[in-house]
Amino acid sequence: LKELSPIIQQEGYKVCGVGVSGQQHGMVPLDENFQVIRSAKLWCDVEAALEAKEFSEKATKIMHGVVGSGCTWSIPPGFTAPKVMWMKKNEPELFEKVKWLILPHDYVNLCLSTGLGYDMKVEECESED
């Protein structure tokens, strides 16, 4: 935006806002200083397939105790929880540094602002299901 500012002003425009959107289930791990610890793991990353299977089996077992044996959970490897499990198992030295796990579009917002925020529309959309 800093680089575009002179061009925008020269053309007589005024920026009133910037919109950022993104997809769910990407994982950007940050340290306590909001610095990226490793490359993002995106929704399409299936490296955590084993962890997803383990998570699904544990979640199903817990749910059987709550609602009976008719419930099974199948967590895709692209969801965040299996990726966190994968990172803890395969990159423990990096995992120890994690203070924040955010979505890629939230990282863009962080770079454009002065701190972390939360997209309330994401929560609203997810809670309607």
N, C-alpha and C. Protein backbone atom coordinates (compact mmCIF):
# COMPACT_ATOMS: atom_id res chain seq x y z
N LEU A 1 0.81 -1.20 0.00
CA LEU A 1 0.00 0.00 0.00
C LEU A 1 0.85 1.26 0.00
N LYS A 2 1.99 1.19 0.69
CA LYS A 2 2.88 2.35 0.71
C LYS A 2 3.39 2.67 -0.69
N GLU A 3 3.70 1.62 -1.46
CA GLU A 3 4.18 1.83 -2.82
C GLU A 3 3.08 2.35 -3.74
N LEU A 4 1.85 1.95 -3.49
CA LEU A 4 0.74 2.38 -4.33
C LEU A 4 0.23 3.78 -3.97
N SER A 5 0.48 4.20 -2.75
CA SER A 5 -0.06 5.47 -2.27
C SER A 5 0.24 6.66 -3.18
N PRO A 6 1.48 6.87 -3.61
CA PRO A 6 1.74 8.02 -4.49
C PRO A 6 0.98 7.95 -5.82
N ILE A 7 0.87 6.74 -6.37
CA ILE A 7 0.15 6.56 -7.63
C ILE A 7 -1.33 6.86 -7.44
N ILE A 8 -1.90 6.36 -6.35
CA ILE A 8 -3.31 6.59 -6.05
C ILE A 8 -3.57 8.08 -5.87
N GLN A 9 -2.72 8.75 -5.12
CA GLN A 9 -2.88 10.19 -4.90
C GLN A 9 -2.72 10.97 -6.19
N GLN A 10 -1.76 10.59 -7.01
CA GLN A 10 -1.52 11.27 -8.28
C GLN A 10 -2.75 11.19 -9.18
N GLU A 11 -3.43 10.06 -9.14
CA GLU A 11 -4.62 9.88 -9.96
C GLU A 11 -5.86 10.51 -9.33
N GLY A 12 -5.71 11.04 -8.11
CA GLY A 12 -6.83 11.70 -7.45
C GLY A 12 -7.78 10.78 -6.72
N TYR A 13 -7.35 9.56 -6.44
CA TYR A 13 -8.19 8.61 -5.72
C TYR A 13 -7.87 8.65 -4.23
N LYS A 14 -8.79 8.14 -3.45
CA LYS A 14 -8.60 8.01 -2.01
C LYS A 14 -8.99 6.59 -1.61
N VAL A 15 -8.09 5.91 -0.91
CA VAL A 15 -8.38 4.56 -0.43
C VAL A 15 -9.15 4.67 0.88
N CYS A 16 -10.35 4.10 0.88
CA CYS A 16 -11.20 4.15 2.08
C CYS A 16 -11.19 2.83 2.83
N GLY A 17 -10.71 1.79 2.21
CA GLY A 17 -10.68 0.50 2.88
C GLY A 17 -10.01 -0.54 2.00
N VAL A 18 -9.61 -1.63 2.62
CA VAL A 18 -8.99 -2.74 1.92
C VAL A 18 -9.70 -4.00 2.41
N GLY A 19 -10.12 -4.83 1.47
CA GLY A 19 -10.79 -6.08 1.83
C GLY A 19 -9.86 -7.26 1.63
N VAL A 20 -9.86 -8.17 2.57
CA VAL A 20 -9.05 -9.38 2.49
C VAL A 20 -9.97 -10.56 2.77
N SER A 21 -9.93 -11.56 1.92
CA SER A 21 -10.71 -12.77 2.17
C SER A 21 -9.80 -13.97 1.99
N GLY A 22 -10.27 -15.12 2.39
CA GLY A 22 -9.43 -16.30 2.26
C GLY A 22 -10.21 -17.57 2.54
N GLN A 23 -9.51 -18.69 2.43
CA GLN A 23 -10.11 -19.98 2.69
C GLN A 23 -9.76 -20.45 4.10
N GLN A 24 -10.59 -21.32 4.61
CA GLN A 24 -10.35 -21.88 5.94
C GLN A 24 -9.28 -22.98 5.89
N HIS A 25 -8.84 -23.36 7.03
CA HIS A 25 -8.00 -24.53 7.27
C HIS A 25 -6.56 -24.41 6.79
N GLY A 26 -6.12 -23.21 6.52
CA GLY A 26 -4.69 -22.99 6.34
C GLY A 26 -4.10 -22.72 7.71
N MET A 27 -2.84 -23.00 7.91
CA MET A 27 -2.23 -22.80 9.22
C MET A 27 -0.91 -22.05 9.06
N VAL A 28 -0.86 -20.86 9.66
CA VAL A 28 0.37 -20.07 9.69
C VAL A 28 0.81 -20.00 11.15
N PRO A 29 1.87 -20.71 11.52
CA PRO A 29 2.34 -20.67 12.91
C PRO A 29 3.24 -19.45 13.15
N LEU A 30 2.94 -18.73 14.23
CA LEU A 30 3.71 -17.54 14.58
C LEU A 30 4.31 -17.69 15.97
N ASP A 31 5.44 -17.02 16.19
CA ASP A 31 6.02 -17.01 17.53
C ASP A 31 5.43 -15.85 18.33
N GLU A 32 5.96 -15.61 19.52
CA GLU A 32 5.41 -14.57 20.39
C GLU A 32 5.56 -13.16 19.83
N ASN A 33 6.45 -13.00 18.85
CA ASN A 33 6.66 -11.70 18.22
C ASN A 33 5.94 -11.58 16.88
N PHE A 34 5.00 -12.50 16.63
CA PHE A 34 4.22 -12.54 15.40
C PHE A 34 5.08 -12.81 14.16
N GLN A 35 6.20 -13.49 14.34
CA GLN A 35 7.06 -13.87 13.23
C GLN A 35 6.70 -15.29 12.78
N VAL A 36 6.68 -15.50 11.47
CA VAL A 36 6.35 -16.81 10.91
C VAL A 36 7.44 -17.81 11.28
N ILE A 37 7.03 -18.96 11.79
CA ILE A 37 7.95 -20.01 12.22
C ILE A 37 8.30 -20.96 11.08
N ARG A 38 7.33 -21.25 10.24
CA ARG A 38 7.52 -22.16 9.10
C ARG A 38 6.53 -21.75 8.02
N SER A 39 6.71 -22.27 6.83
CA SER A 39 5.77 -22.01 5.74
C SER A 39 4.38 -22.48 6.13
N ALA A 40 3.39 -21.81 5.60
CA ALA A 40 1.99 -22.17 5.88
C ALA A 40 1.69 -23.57 5.36
N LYS A 41 0.83 -24.27 6.08
CA LYS A 41 0.29 -25.54 5.61
C LYS A 41 -1.14 -25.22 5.18
N LEU A 42 -1.44 -25.38 3.91
CA LEU A 42 -2.73 -24.98 3.36
C LEU A 42 -3.77 -26.08 3.48
N TRP A 43 -5.01 -25.76 3.15
CA TRP A 43 -6.13 -26.69 3.28
C TRP A 43 -5.91 -27.96 2.46
N CYS A 44 -5.19 -27.85 1.36
CA CYS A 44 -5.02 -29.00 0.47
C CYS A 44 -3.83 -29.88 0.86
N ASP A 45 -3.12 -29.53 1.91
CA ASP A 45 -1.97 -30.31 2.38
C ASP A 45 -2.47 -31.59 3.04
N VAL A 46 -2.05 -32.73 2.55
CA VAL A 46 -2.50 -34.01 3.10
C VAL A 46 -1.38 -34.74 3.85
N GLU A 47 -0.32 -34.04 4.15
CA GLU A 47 0.82 -34.63 4.85
C GLU A 47 0.41 -35.18 6.22
N ALA A 48 -0.66 -34.64 6.79
CA ALA A 48 -1.09 -35.05 8.12
C ALA A 48 -2.19 -36.13 8.08
N ALA A 49 -2.16 -36.97 7.04
CA ALA A 49 -3.20 -38.01 6.90
C ALA A 49 -3.21 -38.97 8.09
N LEU A 50 -2.04 -39.40 8.56
CA LEU A 50 -1.98 -40.31 9.70
C LEU A 50 -2.54 -39.64 10.96
N GLU A 51 -2.19 -38.38 11.17
CA GLU A 51 -2.69 -37.64 12.34
C GLU A 51 -4.20 -37.44 12.24
N ALA A 52 -4.71 -37.22 11.04
CA ALA A 52 -6.15 -37.07 10.85
C ALA A 52 -6.88 -38.36 11.21
N LYS A 53 -6.29 -39.49 10.83
CA LYS A 53 -6.89 -40.79 11.16
C LYS A 53 -6.88 -40.99 12.68
N GLU A 54 -5.75 -40.69 13.31
CA GLU A 54 -5.66 -40.82 14.78
C GLU A 54 -6.68 -39.91 15.47
N PHE A 55 -6.76 -38.66 15.02
CA PHE A 55 -7.69 -37.70 15.60
C PHE A 55 -9.12 -38.18 15.43
N SER A 56 -9.45 -38.68 14.23
CA SER A 56 -10.80 -39.17 13.96
C SER A 56 -11.17 -40.34 14.86
N GLU A 57 -10.22 -41.26 15.05
CA GLU A 57 -10.48 -42.43 15.90
C GLU A 57 -10.70 -42.00 17.35
N LYS A 58 -9.89 -41.07 17.84
CA LYS A 58 -10.06 -40.59 19.22
C LYS A 58 -11.37 -39.83 19.38
N ALA A 59 -11.70 -38.98 18.41
CA ALA A 59 -12.95 -38.20 18.48
C ALA A 59 -14.16 -39.13 18.44
N THR A 60 -14.10 -40.15 17.59
CA THR A 60 -15.20 -41.11 17.50
C THR A 60 -15.38 -41.85 18.83
N LYS A 61 -14.27 -42.27 19.43
CA LYS A 61 -14.34 -42.98 20.71
C LYS A 61 -14.97 -42.09 21.79
N ILE A 62 -14.58 -40.84 21.83
CA ILE A 62 -15.15 -39.90 22.80
C ILE A 62 -16.64 -39.72 22.54
N MET A 63 -17.01 -39.55 21.27
CA MET A 63 -18.42 -39.34 20.93
C MET A 63 -19.27 -40.57 21.23
N HIS A 64 -18.69 -41.76 21.09
CA HIS A 64 -19.43 -42.97 21.44
C HIS A 64 -19.82 -42.94 22.91
N GLY A 65 -18.94 -42.43 23.75
CA GLY A 65 -19.24 -42.32 25.18
C GLY A 65 -20.30 -41.27 25.48
N VAL A 66 -20.48 -40.31 24.59
CA VAL A 66 -21.43 -39.23 24.81
C VAL A 66 -22.79 -39.53 24.19
N VAL A 67 -22.80 -39.96 22.92
CA VAL A 67 -24.07 -40.13 22.21
C VAL A 67 -24.35 -41.56 21.77
N GLY A 68 -23.47 -42.47 22.07
CA GLY A 68 -23.68 -43.85 21.66
C GLY A 68 -22.82 -44.22 20.47
N SER A 69 -22.93 -45.47 20.05
CA SER A 69 -22.02 -46.00 19.03
C SER A 69 -22.40 -45.65 17.60
N GLY A 70 -23.47 -44.93 17.39
CA GLY A 70 -23.89 -44.60 16.03
C GLY A 70 -23.16 -43.42 15.42
N CYS A 71 -22.25 -42.82 16.16
CA CYS A 71 -21.57 -41.61 15.70
C CYS A 71 -20.13 -41.90 15.33
N THR A 72 -19.72 -41.46 14.16
CA THR A 72 -18.31 -41.54 13.78
C THR A 72 -17.86 -40.18 13.26
N TRP A 73 -16.63 -39.86 13.53
CA TRP A 73 -16.05 -38.60 13.05
C TRP A 73 -14.95 -38.92 12.07
N SER A 74 -14.92 -38.20 10.99
CA SER A 74 -13.85 -38.32 10.02
C SER A 74 -13.30 -36.93 9.76
N ILE A 75 -12.14 -36.66 10.32
CA ILE A 75 -11.51 -35.35 10.20
C ILE A 75 -10.54 -35.38 9.02
N PRO A 76 -10.74 -34.53 8.03
CA PRO A 76 -9.82 -34.51 6.88
C PRO A 76 -8.42 -34.05 7.28
N PRO A 77 -7.39 -34.54 6.60
CA PRO A 77 -6.02 -34.14 6.93
C PRO A 77 -5.76 -32.65 6.70
N GLY A 78 -6.58 -32.01 5.89
CA GLY A 78 -6.39 -30.58 5.62
C GLY A 78 -6.91 -29.68 6.73
N PHE A 79 -7.66 -30.24 7.69
CA PHE A 79 -8.14 -29.44 8.81
C PHE A 79 -6.95 -29.08 9.72
N THR A 80 -7.12 -28.08 10.52
CA THR A 80 -6.01 -27.54 11.31
C THR A 80 -5.53 -28.50 12.40
N ALA A 81 -6.43 -29.14 13.12
CA ALA A 81 -6.01 -30.00 14.23
C ALA A 81 -5.00 -31.08 13.80
N PRO A 82 -5.25 -31.82 12.73
CA PRO A 82 -4.24 -32.81 12.31
C PRO A 82 -2.91 -32.16 11.93
N LYS A 83 -2.97 -30.98 11.35
CA LYS A 83 -1.72 -30.30 10.97
C LYS A 83 -0.93 -29.90 12.21
N VAL A 84 -1.63 -29.48 13.26
CA VAL A 84 -0.96 -29.14 14.52
C VAL A 84 -0.31 -30.39 15.10
N MET A 85 -1.05 -31.50 15.09
CA MET A 85 -0.49 -32.76 15.58
C MET A 85 0.74 -33.17 14.77
N TRP A 86 0.66 -33.00 13.45
CA TRP A 86 1.78 -33.34 12.58
C TRP A 86 3.00 -32.49 12.92
N MET A 87 2.79 -31.20 13.09
CA MET A 87 3.90 -30.30 13.40
C MET A 87 4.54 -30.66 14.73
N LYS A 88 3.70 -30.96 15.72
CA LYS A 88 4.22 -31.32 17.05
C LYS A 88 5.09 -32.58 16.97
N LYS A 89 4.66 -33.55 16.15
CA LYS A 89 5.40 -34.82 16.03
C LYS A 89 6.64 -34.69 15.14
N ASN A 90 6.53 -33.96 14.04
CA ASN A 90 7.59 -33.93 13.03
C ASN A 90 8.52 -32.72 13.10
N GLU A 91 8.08 -31.67 13.76
CA GLU A 91 8.90 -30.47 13.88
C GLU A 91 8.82 -29.93 15.31
N PRO A 92 9.20 -30.75 16.28
CA PRO A 92 9.04 -30.37 17.69
C PRO A 92 9.78 -29.09 18.07
N GLU A 93 10.95 -28.88 17.46
CA GLU A 93 11.72 -27.67 17.80
C GLU A 93 11.00 -26.41 17.31
N LEU A 94 10.28 -26.52 16.22
CA LEU A 94 9.48 -25.38 15.73
C LEU A 94 8.18 -25.25 16.53
N PHE A 95 7.57 -26.40 16.82
CA PHE A 95 6.31 -26.40 17.56
C PHE A 95 6.46 -25.71 18.92
N GLU A 96 7.60 -25.90 19.56
CA GLU A 96 7.83 -25.28 20.88
C GLU A 96 7.78 -23.76 20.81
N LYS A 97 8.05 -23.20 19.66
CA LYS A 97 8.07 -21.75 19.50
C LYS A 97 6.68 -21.15 19.19
N VAL A 98 5.70 -22.00 18.90
CA VAL A 98 4.38 -21.51 18.47
C VAL A 98 3.65 -20.81 19.61
N LYS A 99 3.23 -19.59 19.35
CA LYS A 99 2.38 -18.83 20.27
C LYS A 99 1.00 -18.63 19.65
N TRP A 100 0.97 -18.46 18.32
CA TRP A 100 -0.27 -18.20 17.60
C TRP A 100 -0.36 -19.10 16.37
N LEU A 101 -1.54 -19.61 16.09
CA LEU A 101 -1.84 -20.30 14.84
C LEU A 101 -2.95 -19.51 14.17
N ILE A 102 -2.67 -18.96 12.99
CA ILE A 102 -3.68 -18.14 12.32
C ILE A 102 -3.86 -18.62 10.89
N LEU A 103 -4.95 -18.17 10.28
CA LEU A 103 -5.23 -18.48 8.89
C LEU A 103 -4.41 -17.59 7.97
N PRO A 104 -4.13 -18.06 6.75
CA PRO A 104 -3.33 -17.23 5.83
C PRO A 104 -3.90 -15.84 5.60
N HIS A 105 -5.22 -15.72 5.44
CA HIS A 105 -5.77 -14.37 5.22
C HIS A 105 -5.66 -13.51 6.48
N ASP A 106 -5.65 -14.13 7.64
CA ASP A 106 -5.42 -13.36 8.87
C ASP A 106 -3.97 -12.87 8.94
N TYR A 107 -3.05 -13.65 8.35
CA TYR A 107 -1.66 -13.20 8.29
C TYR A 107 -1.53 -11.97 7.39
N VAL A 108 -2.23 -11.98 6.27
CA VAL A 108 -2.23 -10.80 5.40
C VAL A 108 -2.77 -9.59 6.17
N ASN A 109 -3.86 -9.80 6.91
CA ASN A 109 -4.41 -8.71 7.73
C ASN A 109 -3.40 -8.23 8.77
N LEU A 110 -2.67 -9.16 9.37
CA LEU A 110 -1.64 -8.80 10.34
C LEU A 110 -0.58 -7.90 9.69
N CYS A 111 -0.18 -8.26 8.49
CA CYS A 111 0.83 -7.47 7.77
C CYS A 111 0.31 -6.08 7.41
N LEU A 112 -0.99 -5.96 7.22
CA LEU A 112 -1.59 -4.68 6.84
C LEU A 112 -2.01 -3.83 8.04
N SER A 113 -1.87 -4.39 9.24
CA SER A 113 -2.37 -3.69 10.42
C SER A 113 -1.34 -3.72 11.55
N THR A 114 -1.81 -3.47 12.75
CA THR A 114 -0.90 -3.41 13.90
C THR A 114 -1.09 -4.56 14.87
N GLY A 115 -1.91 -5.54 14.53
CA GLY A 115 -2.09 -6.65 15.45
C GLY A 115 -3.04 -7.69 14.89
N LEU A 116 -3.25 -8.74 15.65
CA LEU A 116 -4.14 -9.81 15.24
C LEU A 116 -5.59 -9.37 15.38
N GLY A 117 -6.41 -9.87 14.47
CA GLY A 117 -7.85 -9.63 14.52
C GLY A 117 -8.56 -10.93 14.25
N TYR A 118 -9.87 -10.87 14.22
CA TYR A 118 -10.66 -12.07 14.00
C TYR A 118 -11.82 -11.73 13.09
N ASP A 119 -12.05 -12.57 12.10
CA ASP A 119 -13.14 -12.37 11.15
C ASP A 119 -14.41 -12.97 11.74
N MET A 120 -15.27 -12.11 12.27
CA MET A 120 -16.49 -12.60 12.91
C MET A 120 -17.44 -13.27 11.91
N LYS A 121 -17.39 -12.90 10.66
CA LYS A 121 -18.25 -13.53 9.65
C LYS A 121 -17.92 -15.01 9.50
N VAL A 122 -16.66 -15.39 9.67
CA VAL A 122 -16.28 -16.80 9.60
C VAL A 122 -17.02 -17.56 10.68
N GLU A 123 -17.00 -17.04 11.90
CA GLU A 123 -17.68 -17.69 13.02
C GLU A 123 -19.18 -17.78 12.76
N GLU A 124 -19.77 -16.69 12.26
CA GLU A 124 -21.21 -16.70 11.98
C GLU A 124 -21.56 -17.76 10.94
N CYS A 125 -20.75 -17.86 9.88
CA CYS A 125 -21.03 -18.84 8.83
C CYS A 125 -20.90 -20.26 9.37
N GLU A 126 -19.89 -20.49 10.19
CA GLU A 126 -19.68 -21.84 10.70
C GLU A 126 -20.76 -22.22 11.71
N SER A 127 -21.27 -21.28 12.47
CA SER A 127 -22.23 -21.62 13.50
C SER A 127 -23.63 -21.87 12.93
N GLU A 128 -23.88 -21.50 11.67
CA GLU A 128 -25.19 -21.72 11.07
C GLU A 128 -25.36 -23.15 10.61
N ASP A 129 -24.27 -23.91 10.47
CA ASP A 129 -24.35 -25.29 9.98
C ASP A 129 -25.02 -26.20 10.98
